[in-house]
N, C-alpha and C. Protein backbone atom coordinates (compact mmCIF):
# COMPACT_ATOMS: atom_id res chain seq x y z
N MET A 1 -4.89 -2.85 24.28
CA MET A 1 -4.03 -2.79 23.11
C MET A 1 -3.57 -4.21 22.77
N SER A 2 -3.77 -4.63 21.56
CA SER A 2 -3.47 -6.00 21.16
C SER A 2 -1.99 -6.21 20.86
N LEU A 3 -1.26 -5.16 20.56
CA LEU A 3 0.15 -5.27 20.19
C LEU A 3 1.01 -4.72 21.31
N ASN A 4 1.98 -5.50 21.77
CA ASN A 4 2.86 -5.06 22.84
C ASN A 4 4.00 -4.25 22.25
N ILE A 5 3.89 -2.95 22.35
CA ILE A 5 4.90 -2.06 21.77
C ILE A 5 5.89 -1.69 22.87
N ASN A 6 7.15 -2.02 22.63
CA ASN A 6 8.21 -1.72 23.58
C ASN A 6 9.49 -1.39 22.84
N LYS A 7 10.54 -1.14 23.60
CA LYS A 7 11.83 -0.76 23.01
C LYS A 7 12.33 -1.81 22.03
N ASP A 8 12.18 -3.09 22.40
CA ASP A 8 12.66 -4.18 21.52
C ASP A 8 11.95 -4.17 20.17
N LEU A 9 10.64 -3.93 20.19
CA LEU A 9 9.88 -3.89 18.94
C LEU A 9 10.33 -2.72 18.07
N VAL A 10 10.52 -1.56 18.71
CA VAL A 10 10.96 -0.38 17.96
C VAL A 10 12.33 -0.63 17.33
N LEU A 11 13.24 -1.23 18.08
CA LEU A 11 14.58 -1.54 17.54
C LEU A 11 14.49 -2.57 16.42
N HIS A 12 13.58 -3.54 16.57
CA HIS A 12 13.40 -4.55 15.52
C HIS A 12 12.87 -3.91 14.24
N ILE A 13 11.89 -3.03 14.37
CA ILE A 13 11.34 -2.34 13.20
C ILE A 13 12.40 -1.47 12.54
N SER A 14 13.19 -0.77 13.35
CA SER A 14 14.23 0.09 12.76
C SER A 14 15.28 -0.75 12.04
N LYS A 15 15.56 -1.94 12.57
CA LYS A 15 16.51 -2.84 11.91
C LYS A 15 15.95 -3.32 10.57
N LEU A 16 14.66 -3.71 10.58
CA LEU A 16 14.03 -4.16 9.34
C LEU A 16 14.02 -3.05 8.28
N ALA A 17 13.80 -1.83 8.75
CA ALA A 17 13.74 -0.68 7.83
C ALA A 17 15.14 -0.14 7.51
N ARG A 18 16.13 -0.72 8.15
CA ARG A 18 17.52 -0.28 7.98
C ARG A 18 17.67 1.21 8.30
N ILE A 19 17.07 1.61 9.42
CA ILE A 19 17.14 2.99 9.89
C ILE A 19 17.84 2.99 11.24
N LYS A 20 18.91 3.74 11.34
CA LYS A 20 19.61 3.86 12.62
C LYS A 20 18.93 4.94 13.44
N ILE A 21 18.58 4.59 14.68
CA ILE A 21 17.93 5.57 15.56
C ILE A 21 18.66 5.61 16.90
N THR A 22 18.65 6.77 17.51
CA THR A 22 19.29 6.96 18.81
C THR A 22 18.38 6.46 19.92
N ASP A 23 18.94 6.36 21.14
CA ASP A 23 18.13 5.93 22.29
C ASP A 23 16.98 6.90 22.56
N ASP A 24 17.24 8.20 22.37
CA ASP A 24 16.17 9.19 22.55
C ASP A 24 15.05 8.97 21.53
N GLU A 25 15.43 8.66 20.31
CA GLU A 25 14.44 8.43 19.26
C GLU A 25 13.64 7.16 19.53
N VAL A 26 14.27 6.15 20.14
CA VAL A 26 13.56 4.91 20.44
C VAL A 26 12.35 5.19 21.32
N SER A 27 12.53 5.97 22.37
CA SER A 27 11.40 6.25 23.26
C SER A 27 10.35 7.09 22.56
N GLU A 28 10.77 7.99 21.69
CA GLU A 28 9.82 8.82 20.94
C GLU A 28 9.01 7.96 19.97
N TYR A 29 9.70 7.07 19.25
CA TYR A 29 9.00 6.18 18.32
C TYR A 29 8.05 5.25 19.08
N GLU A 30 8.47 4.80 20.25
CA GLU A 30 7.62 3.92 21.05
C GLU A 30 6.31 4.63 21.40
N LYS A 31 6.40 5.88 21.81
CA LYS A 31 5.20 6.67 22.11
C LYS A 31 4.33 6.83 20.87
N ASN A 32 4.95 7.16 19.74
CA ASN A 32 4.20 7.36 18.49
C ASN A 32 3.52 6.08 18.04
N PHE A 33 4.22 4.95 18.10
CA PHE A 33 3.63 3.68 17.69
C PHE A 33 2.43 3.33 18.57
N LYS A 34 2.58 3.54 19.89
CA LYS A 34 1.47 3.26 20.81
C LYS A 34 0.27 4.13 20.48
N SER A 35 0.52 5.38 20.17
CA SER A 35 -0.56 6.30 19.83
C SER A 35 -1.28 5.85 18.56
N ILE A 36 -0.53 5.41 17.58
CA ILE A 36 -1.11 4.95 16.31
C ILE A 36 -1.97 3.70 16.54
N VAL A 37 -1.45 2.75 17.31
CA VAL A 37 -2.19 1.51 17.56
C VAL A 37 -3.46 1.81 18.36
N GLU A 38 -3.38 2.70 19.33
CA GLU A 38 -4.57 3.07 20.10
C GLU A 38 -5.63 3.69 19.19
N TYR A 39 -5.20 4.52 18.26
CA TYR A 39 -6.14 5.14 17.32
C TYR A 39 -6.80 4.09 16.44
N ILE A 40 -6.03 3.14 15.98
CA ILE A 40 -6.57 2.07 15.14
C ILE A 40 -7.59 1.25 15.93
N GLU A 41 -7.30 1.00 17.21
CA GLU A 41 -8.25 0.26 18.06
C GLU A 41 -9.56 1.03 18.19
N LYS A 42 -9.48 2.36 18.30
CA LYS A 42 -10.70 3.18 18.36
C LYS A 42 -11.49 3.07 17.06
N LEU A 43 -10.77 3.08 15.93
CA LEU A 43 -11.44 2.98 14.63
C LEU A 43 -12.18 1.65 14.48
N LYS A 44 -11.65 0.60 15.08
CA LYS A 44 -12.29 -0.71 15.00
C LYS A 44 -13.66 -0.71 15.66
N GLU A 45 -13.88 0.22 16.60
CA GLU A 45 -15.14 0.29 17.33
C GLU A 45 -16.25 0.96 16.51
N VAL A 46 -15.90 1.65 15.45
CA VAL A 46 -16.88 2.39 14.66
C VAL A 46 -17.73 1.41 13.84
N ASP A 47 -19.05 1.61 13.91
CA ASP A 47 -19.98 0.78 13.14
C ASP A 47 -20.03 1.28 11.70
N THR A 48 -19.51 0.49 10.78
CA THR A 48 -19.49 0.87 9.37
C THR A 48 -20.44 0.01 8.53
N SER A 49 -21.34 -0.69 9.19
CA SER A 49 -22.22 -1.61 8.47
C SER A 49 -23.13 -0.90 7.47
N ASN A 50 -23.46 0.37 7.72
CA ASN A 50 -24.34 1.10 6.80
C ASN A 50 -23.58 2.06 5.89
N VAL A 51 -22.28 1.92 5.84
CA VAL A 51 -21.47 2.80 4.99
C VAL A 51 -21.31 2.15 3.62
N GLU A 52 -21.61 2.90 2.59
CA GLU A 52 -21.48 2.38 1.23
C GLU A 52 -20.01 2.23 0.86
N MET A 53 -19.69 1.13 0.18
CA MET A 53 -18.33 0.86 -0.22
C MET A 53 -17.83 1.93 -1.20
N LEU A 54 -16.60 2.34 -1.02
CA LEU A 54 -15.96 3.29 -1.94
C LEU A 54 -14.72 2.62 -2.48
N SER A 55 -14.74 2.25 -3.73
CA SER A 55 -13.62 1.52 -4.30
C SER A 55 -12.74 2.39 -5.17
N ASN A 56 -13.21 3.59 -5.48
CA ASN A 56 -12.46 4.45 -6.37
C ASN A 56 -12.81 5.90 -6.05
N PRO A 57 -11.82 6.77 -5.88
CA PRO A 57 -12.13 8.17 -5.58
C PRO A 57 -13.03 8.81 -6.64
N MET A 58 -13.01 8.30 -7.84
CA MET A 58 -13.84 8.87 -8.90
C MET A 58 -15.33 8.66 -8.61
N THR A 59 -15.66 7.68 -7.77
CA THR A 59 -17.07 7.45 -7.48
C THR A 59 -17.67 8.59 -6.67
N LEU A 60 -16.82 9.44 -6.09
CA LEU A 60 -17.34 10.61 -5.39
C LEU A 60 -18.10 11.51 -6.37
N ASN A 61 -17.66 11.53 -7.61
CA ASN A 61 -18.28 12.34 -8.65
C ASN A 61 -19.16 11.50 -9.58
N LEU A 62 -19.57 10.34 -9.09
CA LEU A 62 -20.33 9.41 -9.93
C LEU A 62 -21.59 10.05 -10.48
N SER A 63 -22.32 10.80 -9.66
CA SER A 63 -23.56 11.41 -10.14
C SER A 63 -23.27 12.40 -11.26
N TYR A 64 -22.15 13.12 -11.15
CA TYR A 64 -21.76 14.07 -12.21
C TYR A 64 -21.53 13.32 -13.52
N TYR A 65 -20.78 12.23 -13.46
CA TYR A 65 -20.47 11.47 -14.67
C TYR A 65 -21.74 10.90 -15.31
N GLU A 66 -22.62 10.39 -14.47
CA GLU A 66 -23.83 9.78 -15.00
C GLU A 66 -24.81 10.81 -15.53
N LYS A 67 -25.03 11.90 -14.80
CA LYS A 67 -26.01 12.91 -15.21
C LYS A 67 -25.49 13.82 -16.32
N GLU A 68 -24.32 14.38 -16.11
CA GLU A 68 -23.80 15.38 -17.04
C GLU A 68 -23.16 14.79 -18.29
N LEU A 69 -22.46 13.67 -18.11
CA LEU A 69 -21.74 13.10 -19.25
C LEU A 69 -22.40 11.85 -19.81
N GLY A 70 -23.36 11.30 -19.10
CA GLY A 70 -24.02 10.10 -19.56
C GLY A 70 -23.12 8.88 -19.53
N VAL A 71 -22.10 8.93 -18.68
CA VAL A 71 -21.13 7.83 -18.59
C VAL A 71 -21.46 6.99 -17.37
N SER A 72 -21.54 5.70 -17.55
CA SER A 72 -21.79 4.80 -16.43
C SER A 72 -20.47 4.24 -15.94
N ARG A 73 -20.27 4.24 -14.64
CA ARG A 73 -19.03 3.72 -14.06
C ARG A 73 -19.35 2.57 -13.11
N LYS A 74 -20.02 1.57 -13.61
CA LYS A 74 -20.40 0.43 -12.79
C LYS A 74 -19.22 -0.52 -12.63
N GLN A 75 -19.20 -1.19 -11.47
CA GLN A 75 -18.12 -2.14 -11.23
C GLN A 75 -18.33 -3.40 -12.03
N ARG A 76 -17.23 -3.93 -12.54
CA ARG A 76 -17.31 -5.18 -13.27
C ARG A 76 -17.04 -6.34 -12.31
N GLN A 77 -17.52 -7.50 -12.68
CA GLN A 77 -17.26 -8.70 -11.89
C GLN A 77 -15.84 -9.18 -12.16
N ASP A 78 -15.18 -9.68 -11.12
CA ASP A 78 -13.85 -10.26 -11.31
C ASP A 78 -13.99 -11.56 -12.10
N GLU A 79 -13.08 -11.77 -13.00
CA GLU A 79 -13.08 -13.02 -13.74
C GLU A 79 -11.66 -13.49 -13.93
N ILE A 80 -11.48 -14.78 -13.87
CA ILE A 80 -10.16 -15.37 -14.03
C ILE A 80 -9.81 -15.41 -15.50
N ARG A 81 -8.64 -14.87 -15.83
CA ARG A 81 -8.16 -14.89 -17.21
C ARG A 81 -6.71 -15.33 -17.21
N PRO A 82 -6.24 -15.85 -18.32
CA PRO A 82 -4.83 -16.26 -18.37
C PRO A 82 -3.91 -15.04 -18.26
N SER A 83 -2.75 -15.26 -17.65
CA SER A 83 -1.75 -14.19 -17.54
C SER A 83 -1.11 -13.92 -18.88
N LEU A 84 -0.42 -12.80 -18.96
CA LEU A 84 0.33 -12.49 -20.17
C LEU A 84 1.50 -13.47 -20.31
N ASN A 85 1.85 -13.80 -21.52
CA ASN A 85 2.98 -14.65 -21.80
C ASN A 85 4.27 -13.85 -21.57
N VAL A 86 5.18 -14.40 -20.76
CA VAL A 86 6.40 -13.69 -20.39
C VAL A 86 7.22 -13.30 -21.62
N LYS A 87 7.37 -14.18 -22.55
CA LYS A 87 8.18 -13.88 -23.73
C LYS A 87 7.55 -12.76 -24.56
N GLU A 88 6.23 -12.72 -24.61
CA GLU A 88 5.54 -11.64 -25.34
C GLU A 88 5.76 -10.29 -24.67
N VAL A 89 5.74 -10.28 -23.35
CA VAL A 89 5.94 -9.04 -22.62
C VAL A 89 7.37 -8.54 -22.76
N VAL A 90 8.31 -9.44 -22.58
CA VAL A 90 9.73 -9.06 -22.58
C VAL A 90 10.22 -8.68 -23.98
N LYS A 91 9.57 -9.18 -25.01
CA LYS A 91 10.06 -8.88 -26.37
C LYS A 91 9.98 -7.38 -26.70
N ASN A 92 9.13 -6.64 -25.99
CA ASN A 92 9.02 -5.20 -26.24
C ASN A 92 9.98 -4.36 -25.39
N ALA A 93 10.72 -5.01 -24.52
CA ALA A 93 11.65 -4.28 -23.65
C ALA A 93 12.86 -3.82 -24.44
N PRO A 94 13.37 -2.63 -24.12
CA PRO A 94 14.58 -2.16 -24.81
C PRO A 94 15.78 -3.06 -24.53
N ASP A 95 15.82 -3.67 -23.33
CA ASP A 95 16.93 -4.55 -22.98
C ASP A 95 16.40 -5.61 -22.02
N SER A 96 16.69 -6.88 -22.29
CA SER A 96 16.24 -7.95 -21.40
C SER A 96 17.24 -9.08 -21.42
N LYS A 97 17.17 -9.92 -20.38
CA LYS A 97 18.03 -11.09 -20.28
C LYS A 97 17.31 -12.12 -19.42
N ASN A 98 17.26 -13.37 -19.86
CA ASN A 98 16.60 -14.46 -19.12
C ASN A 98 15.15 -14.12 -18.77
N ASN A 99 14.43 -13.57 -19.72
CA ASN A 99 13.02 -13.19 -19.53
C ASN A 99 12.82 -12.17 -18.42
N GLU A 100 13.80 -11.30 -18.20
CA GLU A 100 13.70 -10.24 -17.21
C GLU A 100 14.08 -8.92 -17.85
N PHE A 101 13.45 -7.85 -17.40
CA PHE A 101 13.81 -6.52 -17.89
C PHE A 101 15.17 -6.15 -17.32
N ARG A 102 16.01 -5.56 -18.15
CA ARG A 102 17.30 -5.03 -17.67
C ARG A 102 17.20 -3.52 -17.67
N ILE A 103 17.59 -2.93 -16.54
CA ILE A 103 17.53 -1.48 -16.41
C ILE A 103 18.88 -0.96 -15.93
N GLN A 104 19.05 0.34 -16.05
CA GLN A 104 20.27 0.96 -15.58
C GLN A 104 20.30 0.92 -14.05
N SER A 105 21.45 0.64 -13.48
CA SER A 105 21.58 0.57 -12.03
C SER A 105 21.26 1.91 -11.39
N VAL A 106 20.52 1.84 -10.28
CA VAL A 106 20.19 3.08 -9.56
C VAL A 106 20.98 3.17 -8.25
N ILE A 107 21.81 2.16 -7.97
CA ILE A 107 22.63 2.14 -6.77
C ILE A 107 24.07 2.36 -7.18
N GLU A 108 24.69 3.36 -6.57
CA GLU A 108 26.08 3.65 -6.88
C GLU A 108 26.99 2.65 -6.17
N ASN A 109 28.06 2.27 -6.83
CA ASN A 109 29.05 1.39 -6.19
C ASN A 109 29.91 2.23 -5.25
N SER A 110 30.18 1.70 -4.05
CA SER A 110 31.00 2.45 -3.10
C SER A 110 32.44 2.07 -3.25
């Protein structure tokens, strides 16, 4: 196992996630994390060199689209293009300030 999973790591992760956990939960999470990492290590052993890339779930039905609908869903090449102008984007916002969208607060004040 490449990652040393222990109580300290579990407590650190819970702190980062801002989740309070009990001592009993710490040991349970430690077991679960170890199990997940072991499974990932097993997956790394699988030879995927002959597996065709799947970039979109719609490609599962690619033959249907091509045969039945006559629609081609070929991948396009990535190309560098200029970004959108911030002022142009923000001008359509219902409310903005300093080139940022303003939205209603979703956090209640205590």
